[in-house]
Structure formats: structure tokens, C-alpha cells
Amino acid sequence: MRLIWLLIALLLLGGGYLYLHPDSARQFSNQLPVPEFTRKTAHLFKWRNTAGEWQITDTPPPEGINYERLDYRDDENVLPVPPGIQGPE
């Protein structure tokens, strides 16, 4: 019975420490392995409709319309550089 109480106390102390020190919690969570199967990729399709307006959908456009396939991973948070803006050279 004492062993159970000791384990509970250690868990509470460890949780309290991580709660009060969020930087340590982030470092700890970054060291944990992330299984490859949990990462998801969203497949989107970018195309123009008959009025010339851009459409972005999760289903392919009707037959005969040119489209571009966009793949986004859920573990990435990167935005493309807007046209006309150059990054550091």
C-alpha cells in the first residue's frame, strides 16, 4: 500500500513541476518519440472554375479541368512566401 502512495506522490510532484515549468515540459515532450503513423497529410486540389475563380477543394475538379494537387502535413506549420516578396539572399 505504501508503494502505491509513493508512486502517486511522485506522479503528483512530477506533474506539478512540469505544470510550473512549461519550458521543461516542452523539452520533455519534444524528446518523446512520435510514431510515423500518427502524421496525416491533407490532399487538396487547386483549380479554376468556368468563371476563372480559384477553387480549393478536397475532391478533384470535374473531368477535363486542369488542377494542382496540394499536400499539407499536420506536423508542419509553414506558410509559403507570398508572390513579390523575396526572402534573405
PDB file of N, CA and C in Angstrom:
ATOM      1  N   MET A   1       0.828  -1.190   0.000  1.00  0.00           N
ATOM      2  CA  MET A   1       0.000   0.000   0.000  1.00  0.00           C
ATOM      3  C   MET A   1       0.875   1.259   0.000  1.00  0.00           C
ATOM      4  N   ARG A   2       1.998   1.183   0.733  1.00  0.00           N
ATOM      5  CA  ARG A   2       2.896   2.342   0.774  1.00  0.00           C
ATOM      6  C   ARG A   2       3.499   2.617  -0.600  1.00  0.00           C
ATOM      7  N   LEU A   3       3.754   1.551  -1.352  1.00  0.00           N
ATOM      8  CA  LEU A   3       4.324   1.714  -2.683  1.00  0.00           C
ATOM      9  C   LEU A   3       3.360   2.477  -3.600  1.00  0.00           C
ATOM     10  N   ILE A   4       2.097   2.187  -3.507  1.00  0.00           N
ATOM     11  CA  ILE A   4       1.092   2.891  -4.325  1.00  0.00           C
ATOM     12  C   ILE A   4       1.062   4.363  -3.956  1.00  0.00           C
ATOM     13  N   TRP A   5       1.068   4.675  -2.668  1.00  0.00           N
ATOM     14  CA  TRP A   5       1.057   6.075  -2.243  1.00  0.00           C
ATOM     15  C   TRP A   5       2.336   6.802  -2.667  1.00  0.00           C
ATOM     16  N   LEU A   6       3.446   6.094  -2.623  1.00  0.00           N
ATOM     17  CA  LEU A   6       4.698   6.682  -3.066  1.00  0.00           C
ATOM     18  C   LEU A   6       4.660   6.997  -4.564  1.00  0.00           C
ATOM     19  N   LEU A   7       4.132   6.066  -5.360  1.00  0.00           N
ATOM     20  CA  LEU A   7       4.005   6.298  -6.796  1.00  0.00           C
ATOM     21  C   LEU A   7       3.057   7.461  -7.097  1.00  0.00           C
ATOM     22  N   ILE A   8       1.957   7.549  -6.377  1.00  0.00           N
ATOM     23  CA  ILE A   8       1.012   8.651  -6.567  1.00  0.00           C
ATOM     24  C   ILE A   8       1.671   9.977  -6.216  1.00  0.00           C
ATOM     25  N   ALA A   9       2.415  10.002  -5.110  1.00  0.00           N
ATOM     26  CA  ALA A   9       3.093  11.232  -4.701  1.00  0.00           C
ATOM     27  C   ALA A   9       4.134  11.645  -5.739  1.00  0.00           C
ATOM     28  N   LEU A  10       4.895  10.697  -6.271  1.00  0.00           N
ATOM     29  CA  LEU A  10       5.886  11.014  -7.301  1.00  0.00           C
ATOM     30  C   LEU A  10       5.231  11.540  -8.569  1.00  0.00           C
ATOM     31  N   LEU A  11       4.127  10.942  -8.957  1.00  0.00           N
ATOM     32  CA  LEU A  11       3.404  11.426 -10.138  1.00  0.00           C
ATOM     33  C   LEU A  11       2.873  12.840  -9.935  1.00  0.00           C
ATOM     34  N   LEU A  12       2.335  13.114  -8.754  1.00  0.00           N
ATOM     35  CA  LEU A  12       1.831  14.458  -8.455  1.00  0.00           C
ATOM     36  C   LEU A  12       2.953  15.486  -8.434  1.00  0.00           C
ATOM     37  N   LEU A  13       4.079  15.116  -7.826  1.00  0.00           N
ATOM     38  CA  LEU A  13       5.217  16.039  -7.792  1.00  0.00           C
ATOM     39  C   LEU A  13       5.761  16.294  -9.196  1.00  0.00           C
ATOM     40  N   GLY A  14       5.884  15.244  -9.990  1.00  0.00           N
ATOM     41  CA  GLY A  14       6.367  15.403 -11.369  1.00  0.00           C
ATOM     42  C   GLY A  14       5.405  16.239 -12.204  1.00  0.00           C
ATOM     43  N   GLY A  15       4.114  15.987 -12.073  1.00  0.00           N
ATOM     44  CA  GLY A  15       3.122  16.777 -12.805  1.00  0.00           C
ATOM     45  C   GLY A  15       3.117  18.225 -12.366  1.00  0.00           C
ATOM     46  N   GLY A  16       3.243  18.459 -11.057  1.00  0.00           N
ATOM     47  CA  GLY A  16       3.301  19.833 -10.555  1.00  0.00           C
ATOM     48  C   GLY A  16       4.521  20.572 -11.068  1.00  0.00           C
ATOM     49  N   TYR A  17       5.651  19.882 -11.111  1.00  0.00           N
ATOM     50  CA  TYR A  17       6.872  20.513 -11.627  1.00  0.00           C
ATOM     51  C   TYR A  17       6.708  20.891 -13.096  1.00  0.00           C
ATOM     52  N   LEU A  18       6.188  19.967 -13.908  1.00  0.00           N
ATOM     53  CA  LEU A  18       6.003  20.252 -15.330  1.00  0.00           C
ATOM     54  C   LEU A  18       4.964  21.352 -15.548  1.00  0.00           C
ATOM     55  N   TYR A  19       3.962  21.419 -14.684  1.00  0.00           N
ATOM     56  CA  TYR A  19       2.951  22.474 -14.789  1.00  0.00           C
ATOM     57  C   TYR A  19       3.558  23.841 -14.475  1.00  0.00           C
ATOM     58  N   LEU A  20       4.411  23.897 -13.465  1.00  0.00           N
ATOM     59  CA  LEU A  20       5.009  25.168 -13.062  1.00  0.00           C
ATOM     60  C   LEU A  20       6.199  25.569 -13.937  1.00  0.00           C
ATOM     61  N   HIS A  21       6.754  24.646 -14.694  1.00  0.00           N
ATOM     62  CA  HIS A  21       7.893  24.920 -15.576  1.00  0.00           C
ATOM     63  C   HIS A  21       7.544  24.459 -16.998  1.00  0.00           C
ATOM     64  N   PRO A  22       6.758  25.255 -17.737  1.00  0.00           N
ATOM     65  CA  PRO A  22       6.300  24.817 -19.069  1.00  0.00           C
ATOM     66  C   PRO A  22       7.439  24.622 -20.070  1.00  0.00           C
ATOM     67  N   ASP A  23       8.562  25.334 -19.901  1.00  0.00           N
ATOM     68  CA  ASP A  23       9.687  25.123 -20.815  1.00  0.00           C
ATOM     69  C   ASP A  23      10.255  23.716 -20.659  1.00  0.00           C
ATOM     70  N   SER A  24      10.332  23.251 -19.424  1.00  0.00           N
ATOM     71  CA  SER A  24      10.808  21.887 -19.192  1.00  0.00           C
ATOM     72  C   SER A  24       9.820  20.872 -19.753  1.00  0.00           C
ATOM     73  N   ALA A  25       8.540  21.176 -19.654  1.00  0.00           N
ATOM     74  CA  ALA A  25       7.523  20.268 -20.194  1.00  0.00           C
ATOM     75  C   ALA A  25       7.654  20.173 -21.708  1.00  0.00           C
ATOM     76  N   ARG A  26       7.911  21.311 -22.389  1.00  0.00           N
ATOM     77  CA  ARG A  26       8.088  21.302 -23.842  1.00  0.00           C
ATOM     78  C   ARG A  26       9.321  20.501 -24.235  1.00  0.00           C
ATOM     79  N   GLN A  27      10.419  20.681 -23.497  1.00  0.00           N
ATOM     80  CA  GLN A  27      11.634  19.925 -23.789  1.00  0.00           C
ATOM     81  C   GLN A  27      11.400  18.432 -23.598  1.00  0.00           C
ATOM     82  N   PHE A  28      10.670  18.091 -22.549  1.00  0.00           N
ATOM     83  CA  PHE A  28      10.373  16.689 -22.279  1.00  0.00           C
ATOM     84  C   PHE A  28       9.504  16.104 -23.391  1.00  0.00           C
ATOM     85  N   SER A  29       8.467  16.835 -23.821  1.00  0.00           N
ATOM     86  CA  SER A  29       7.577  16.309 -24.856  1.00  0.00           C
ATOM     87  C   SER A  29       8.277  16.235 -26.206  1.00  0.00           C
ATOM     88  N   ASN A  30       9.253  17.119 -26.466  1.00  0.00           N
ATOM     89  CA  ASN A  30       9.989  17.062 -27.733  1.00  0.00           C
ATOM     90  C   ASN A  30      10.916  15.852 -27.793  1.00  0.00           C
ATOM     91  N   GLN A  31      11.285  15.308 -26.652  1.00  0.00           N
ATOM     92  CA  GLN A  31      12.176  14.152 -26.624  1.00  0.00           C
ATOM     93  C   GLN A  31      11.420  12.835 -26.788  1.00  0.00           C
ATOM     94  N   LEU A  32      10.107  12.876 -26.636  1.00  0.00           N
ATOM     95  CA  LEU A  32       9.327  11.651 -26.785  1.00  0.00           C
ATOM     96  C   LEU A  32       9.245  11.269 -28.257  1.00  0.00           C
ATOM     97  N   PRO A  33       9.337  10.006 -28.576  1.00  0.00           N
ATOM     98  CA  PRO A  33       9.245   9.601 -29.985  1.00  0.00           C
ATOM     99  C   PRO A  33       7.819   9.767 -30.500  1.00  0.00           C
ATOM    100  N   VAL A  34       7.712  10.222 -31.733  1.00  0.00           N
ATOM    101  CA  VAL A  34       6.405  10.387 -32.373  1.00  0.00           C
ATOM    102  C   VAL A  34       6.284   9.302 -33.433  1.00  0.00           C
ATOM    103  N   PRO A  35       5.336   8.404 -33.273  1.00  0.00           N
ATOM    104  CA  PRO A  35       5.198   7.350 -34.274  1.00  0.00           C
ATOM    105  C   PRO A  35       4.824   7.934 -35.635  1.00  0.00           C
ATOM    106  N   GLU A  36       5.370   7.390 -36.683  1.00  0.00           N
ATOM    107  CA  GLU A  36       5.156   7.880 -38.039  1.00  0.00           C
ATOM    108  C   GLU A  36       3.689   7.770 -38.454  1.00  0.00           C
ATOM    109  N   PHE A  37       2.987   6.761 -37.960  1.00  0.00           N
ATOM    110  CA  PHE A  37       1.617   6.547 -38.405  1.00  0.00           C
ATOM    111  C   PHE A  37       0.642   7.602 -37.895  1.00  0.00           C
ATOM    112  N   THR A  38       1.030   8.438 -36.937  1.00  0.00           N
ATOM    113  CA  THR A  38       0.108   9.451 -36.437  1.00  0.00           C
ATOM    114  C   THR A  38       0.104  10.706 -37.305  1.00  0.00           C
ATOM    115  N   ARG A  39       1.099  10.858 -38.165  1.00  0.00           N
ATOM    116  CA  ARG A  39       1.149  12.040 -39.014  1.00  0.00           C
ATOM    117  C   ARG A  39       0.191  11.872 -40.181  1.00  0.00           C
ATOM    118  N   LYS A  40      -0.566  12.915 -40.448  1.00  0.00           N
ATOM    119  CA  LYS A  40      -1.556  12.864 -41.516  1.00  0.00           C
ATOM    120  C   LYS A  40      -1.217  13.898 -42.573  1.00  0.00           C
ATOM    121  N   THR A  41      -1.589  13.605 -43.784  1.00  0.00           N
ATOM    122  CA  THR A  41      -1.397  14.534 -44.882  1.00  0.00           C
ATOM    123  C   THR A  41      -2.760  14.825 -45.493  1.00  0.00           C
ATOM    124  N   ALA A  42      -3.072  16.108 -45.615  1.00  0.00           N
ATOM    125  CA  ALA A  42      -4.319  16.515 -46.259  1.00  0.00           C
ATOM    126  C   ALA A  42      -4.029  16.738 -47.740  1.00  0.00           C
ATOM    127  N   HIS A  43      -4.864  16.179 -48.587  1.00  0.00           N
ATOM    128  CA  HIS A  43      -4.711  16.337 -50.031  1.00  0.00           C
ATOM    129  C   HIS A  43      -5.800  17.304 -50.510  1.00  0.00           C
ATOM    130  N   LEU A  44      -5.378  18.443 -51.049  1.00  0.00           N
ATOM    131  CA  LEU A  44      -6.311  19.433 -51.570  1.00  0.00           C
ATOM    132  C   LEU A  44      -6.049  19.628 -53.058  1.00  0.00           C
ATOM    133  N   PHE A  45      -7.044  20.155 -53.751  1.00  0.00           N
ATOM    134  CA  PHE A  45      -6.942  20.381 -55.180  1.00  0.00           C
ATOM    135  C   PHE A  45      -7.250  21.843 -55.471  1.00  0.00           C
ATOM    136  N   LYS A  46      -6.353  22.495 -56.218  1.00  0.00           N
ATOM    137  CA  LYS A  46      -6.498  23.911 -56.555  1.00  0.00           C
ATOM    138  C   LYS A  46      -6.763  24.004 -58.060  1.00  0.00           C
ATOM    139  N   TRP A  47      -7.865  24.654 -58.427  1.00  0.00           N
ATOM    140  CA  TRP A  47      -8.245  24.754 -59.819  1.00  0.00           C
ATOM    141  C   TRP A  47      -9.127  25.978 -60.038  1.00  0.00           C
ATOM    142  N   ARG A  48      -9.325  26.361 -61.297  1.00  0.00           N
ATOM    143  CA  ARG A  48     -10.187  27.496 -61.644  1.00  0.00           C
ATOM    144  C   ARG A  48     -11.509  26.979 -62.202  1.00  0.00           C
ATOM    145  N   ASN A  49     -12.593  27.611 -61.768  1.00  0.00           N
ATOM    146  CA  ASN A  49     -13.894  27.223 -62.301  1.00  0.00           C
ATOM    147  C   ASN A  49     -14.135  27.924 -63.642  1.00  0.00           C
ATOM    148  N   THR A  50     -15.312  27.757 -64.223  1.00  0.00           N
ATOM    149  CA  THR A  50     -15.594  28.320 -65.549  1.00  0.00           C
ATOM    150  C   THR A  50     -15.593  29.842 -65.540  1.00  0.00           C
ATOM    151  N   ALA A  51     -15.815  30.472 -64.373  1.00  0.00           N
ATOM    152  CA  ALA A  51     -15.781  31.934 -64.267  1.00  0.00           C
ATOM    153  C   ALA A  51     -14.361  32.450 -64.032  1.00  0.00           C
ATOM    154  N   GLY A  52     -13.382  31.553 -63.930  1.00  0.00           N
ATOM    155  CA  GLY A  52     -11.994  31.953 -63.719  1.00  0.00           C
ATOM    156  C   GLY A  52     -11.624  32.168 -62.264  1.00  0.00           C
ATOM    157  N   GLU A  53     -12.499  31.809 -61.341  1.00  0.00           N
ATOM    158  CA  GLU A  53     -12.231  31.978 -59.908  1.00  0.00           C
ATOM    159  C   GLU A  53     -11.492  30.751 -59.381  1.00  0.00           C
ATOM    160  N   TRP A  54     -10.531  31.007 -58.480  1.00  0.00           N
ATOM    161  CA  TRP A  54      -9.789  29.906 -57.883  1.00  0.00           C
ATOM    162  C   TRP A  54     -10.686  29.119 -56.938  1.00  0.00           C
ATOM    163  N   GLN A  55     -10.562  27.819 -56.985  1.00  0.00           N
ATOM    164  CA  GLN A  55     -11.270  26.915 -56.095  1.00  0.00           C
ATOM    165  C   GLN A  55     -10.242  26.017 -55.413  1.00  0.00           C
ATOM    166  N   ILE A  56     -10.396  25.805 -54.119  1.00  0.00           N
ATOM    167  CA  ILE A  56      -9.565  24.845 -53.387  1.00  0.00           C
ATOM    168  C   ILE A  56     -10.528  23.900 -52.683  1.00  0.00           C
ATOM    169  N   THR A  57     -10.473  22.631 -53.087  1.00  0.00           N
ATOM    170  CA  THR A  57     -11.410  21.643 -52.567  1.00  0.00           C
ATOM    171  C   THR A  57     -10.658  20.390 -52.133  1.00  0.00           C
ATOM    172  N   ASP A  58     -11.364  19.533 -51.404  1.00  0.00           N
ATOM    173  CA  ASP A  58     -10.754  18.269 -51.004  1.00  0.00           C
ATOM    174  C   ASP A  58     -11.112  17.139 -51.968  1.00  0.00           C
ATOM    175  N   THR A  59     -11.836  17.451 -53.027  1.00  0.00           N
ATOM    176  CA  THR A  59     -12.155  16.480 -54.070  1.00  0.00           C
ATOM    177  C   THR A  59     -11.643  17.012 -55.406  1.00  0.00           C
ATOM    178  N   PRO A  60     -11.258  16.140 -56.314  1.00  0.00           N
ATOM    179  CA  PRO A  60     -10.761  16.601 -57.611  1.00  0.00           C
ATOM    180  C   PRO A  60     -11.849  17.366 -58.375  1.00  0.00           C
ATOM    181  N   PRO A  61     -11.450  18.270 -59.266  1.00  0.00           N
ATOM    182  CA  PRO A  61     -12.434  19.015 -60.055  1.00  0.00           C
ATOM    183  C   PRO A  61     -13.095  18.102 -61.091  1.00  0.00           C
ATOM    184  N   PRO A  62     -14.116  18.615 -61.768  1.00  0.00           N
ATOM    185  CA  PRO A  62     -14.750  17.802 -62.816  1.00  0.00           C
ATOM    186  C   PRO A  62     -13.748  17.407 -63.905  1.00  0.00           C
ATOM    187  N   GLU A  63     -14.083  16.370 -64.621  1.00  0.00           N
ATOM    188  CA  GLU A  63     -13.229  15.829 -65.678  1.00  0.00           C
ATOM    189  C   GLU A  63     -12.869  16.903 -66.701  1.00  0.00           C
ATOM    190  N   GLY A  64     -11.598  16.937 -67.096  1.00  0.00           N
ATOM    191  CA  GLY A  64     -11.147  17.844 -68.141  1.00  0.00           C
ATOM    192  C   GLY A  64     -10.640  19.190 -67.652  1.00  0.00           C
ATOM    193  N   ILE A  65     -10.677  19.446 -66.345  1.00  0.00           N
ATOM    194  CA  ILE A  65     -10.199  20.715 -65.792  1.00  0.00           C
ATOM    195  C   ILE A  65      -8.806  20.494 -65.203  1.00  0.00           C
ATOM    196  N   ASN A  66      -7.873  21.347 -65.597  1.00  0.00           N
ATOM    197  CA  ASN A  66      -6.518  21.253 -65.050  1.00  0.00           C
ATOM    198  C   ASN A  66      -6.534  21.658 -63.582  1.00  0.00           C
ATOM    199  N   TYR A  67      -5.736  20.966 -62.775  1.00  0.00           N
ATOM    200  CA  TYR A  67      -5.672  21.272 -61.349  1.00  0.00           C
ATOM    201  C   TYR A  67      -4.271  21.021 -60.832  1.00  0.00           C
ATOM    202  N   GLU A  68      -4.036  21.562 -59.637  1.00  0.00           N
ATOM    203  CA  GLU A  68      -2.771  21.364 -58.938  1.00  0.00           C
ATOM    204  C   GLU A  68      -3.100  20.669 -57.621  1.00  0.00           C
ATOM    205  N   ARG A  69      -2.357  19.619 -57.297  1.00  0.00           N
ATOM    206  CA  ARG A  69      -2.586  18.895 -56.039  1.00  0.00           C
ATOM    207  C   ARG A  69      -1.695  19.498 -54.964  1.00  0.00           C
ATOM    208  N   LEU A  70      -2.283  19.843 -53.825  1.00  0.00           N
ATOM    209  CA  LEU A  70      -1.568  20.424 -52.697  1.00  0.00           C
ATOM    210  C   LEU A  70      -1.586  19.415 -51.549  1.00  0.00           C
ATOM    211  N   ASP A  71      -0.421  19.124 -50.987  1.00  0.00           N
ATOM    212  CA  ASP A  71      -0.325  18.193 -49.862  1.00  0.00           C
ATOM    213  C   ASP A  71       0.164  18.952 -48.638  1.00  0.00           C
ATOM    214  N   TYR A  72      -0.583  18.862 -47.553  1.00  0.00           N
ATOM    215  CA  TYR A  72      -0.222  19.525 -46.302  1.00  0.00           C
ATOM    216  C   TYR A  72      -0.139  18.490 -45.194  1.00  0.00           C
ATOM    217  N   ARG A  73       0.996  18.465 -44.488  1.00  0.00           N
ATOM    218  CA  ARG A  73       1.162  17.563 -43.347  1.00  0.00           C
ATOM    219  C   ARG A  73       0.704  18.270 -42.078  1.00  0.00           C
ATOM    220  N   ASP A  74       0.119  17.512 -41.167  1.00  0.00           N
ATOM    221  CA  ASP A  74      -0.388  18.122 -39.936  1.00  0.00           C
ATOM    222  C   ASP A  74       0.706  18.480 -38.948  1.00  0.00           C
ATOM    223  N   ASP A  75       1.935  17.989 -39.165  1.00  0.00           N
ATOM    224  CA  ASP A  75       3.023  18.319 -38.247  1.00  0.00           C
ATOM    225  C   ASP A  75       3.870  19.484 -38.754  1.00  0.00           C
ATOM    226  N   GLU A  76       3.447  20.136 -39.817  1.00  0.00           N
ATOM    227  CA  GLU A  76       4.172  21.288 -40.348  1.00  0.00           C
ATOM    228  C   GLU A  76       3.308  22.532 -40.219  1.00  0.00           C
ATOM    229  N   ASN A  77       3.951  23.636 -39.936  1.00  0.00           N
ATOM    230  CA  ASN A  77       3.243  24.903 -39.833  1.00  0.00           C
ATOM    231  C   ASN A  77       4.066  25.939 -40.587  1.00  0.00           C
ATOM    232  N   VAL A  78       4.132  25.769 -41.888  1.00  0.00           N
ATOM    233  CA  VAL A  78       4.948  26.641 -42.715  1.00  0.00           C
ATOM    234  C   VAL A  78       4.066  27.259 -43.787  1.00  0.00           C
ATOM    235  N   LEU A  79       4.106  28.564 -43.883  1.00  0.00           N
ATOM    236  CA  LEU A  79       3.350  29.260 -44.912  1.00  0.00           C
ATOM    237  C   LEU A  79       4.275  29.617 -46.056  1.00  0.00           C
ATOM    238  N   PRO A  80       3.799  29.521 -47.296  1.00  0.00           N
ATOM    239  CA  PRO A  80       4.664  29.895 -48.418  1.00  0.00           C
ATOM    240  C   PRO A  80       4.877  31.404 -48.454  1.00  0.00           C
ATOM    241  N   VAL A  81       5.976  31.824 -49.065  1.00  0.00           N
ATOM    242  CA  VAL A  81       6.267  33.249 -49.207  1.00  0.00           C
ATOM    243  C   VAL A  81       5.326  33.815 -50.264  1.00  0.00           C
ATOM    244  N   PRO A  82       4.606  34.902 -49.947  1.00  0.00           N
ATOM    245  CA  PRO A  82       3.700  35.488 -50.934  1.00  0.00           C
ATOM    246  C   PRO A  82       4.462  35.970 -52.158  1.00  0.00           C
ATOM    247  N   PRO A  83       3.810  35.956 -53.325  1.00  0.00           N
ATOM    248  CA  PRO A  83       4.478  36.430 -54.539  1.00  0.00           C
ATOM    249  C   PRO A  83       4.937  37.885 -54.399  1.00  0.00           C
ATOM    250  N   GLY A  84       6.089  38.189 -54.928  1.00  0.00           N
ATOM    251  CA  GLY A  84       6.610  39.558 -54.879  1.00  0.00           C
ATOM    252  C   GLY A  84       7.460  39.851 -53.667  1.00  0.00           C
ATOM    253  N   ILE A  85       7.511  38.955 -52.702  1.00  0.00           N
ATOM    254  CA  ILE A  85       8.334  39.162 -51.510  1.00  0.00           C
ATOM    255  C   ILE A  85       9.478  38.181 -51.568  1.00  0.00           C
ATOM    256  N   GLN A  86      10.680  38.695 -51.477  1.00  0.00           N
ATOM    257  CA  GLN A  86      11.846  37.812 -51.514  1.00  0.00           C
ATOM    258  C   GLN A  86      12.394  37.636 -50.104  1.00  0.00           C
ATOM    259  N   GLY A  87      12.860  36.444 -49.845  1.00  0.00           N
ATOM    260  CA  GLY A  87      13.467  36.159 -48.556  1.00  0.00           C
ATOM    261  C   GLY A  87      14.901  36.653 -48.521  1.00  0.00           C
ATOM    262  N   PRO A  88      15.619  36.366 -47.432  1.00  0.00           N
ATOM    263  CA  PRO A  88      17.029  36.772 -47.336  1.00  0.00           C
ATOM    264  C   PRO A  88      17.859  36.077 -48.404  1.00  0.00           C
ATOM    265  N   GLU A  89      18.794  36.806 -48.938  1.00  0.00           N
ATOM    266  CA  GLU A  89      19.626  36.254 -50.002  1.00  0.00           C
ATOM    267  C   GLU A  89      20.948  35.761 -49.489  1.00  0.00           C
TER     268      GLU A  89
END
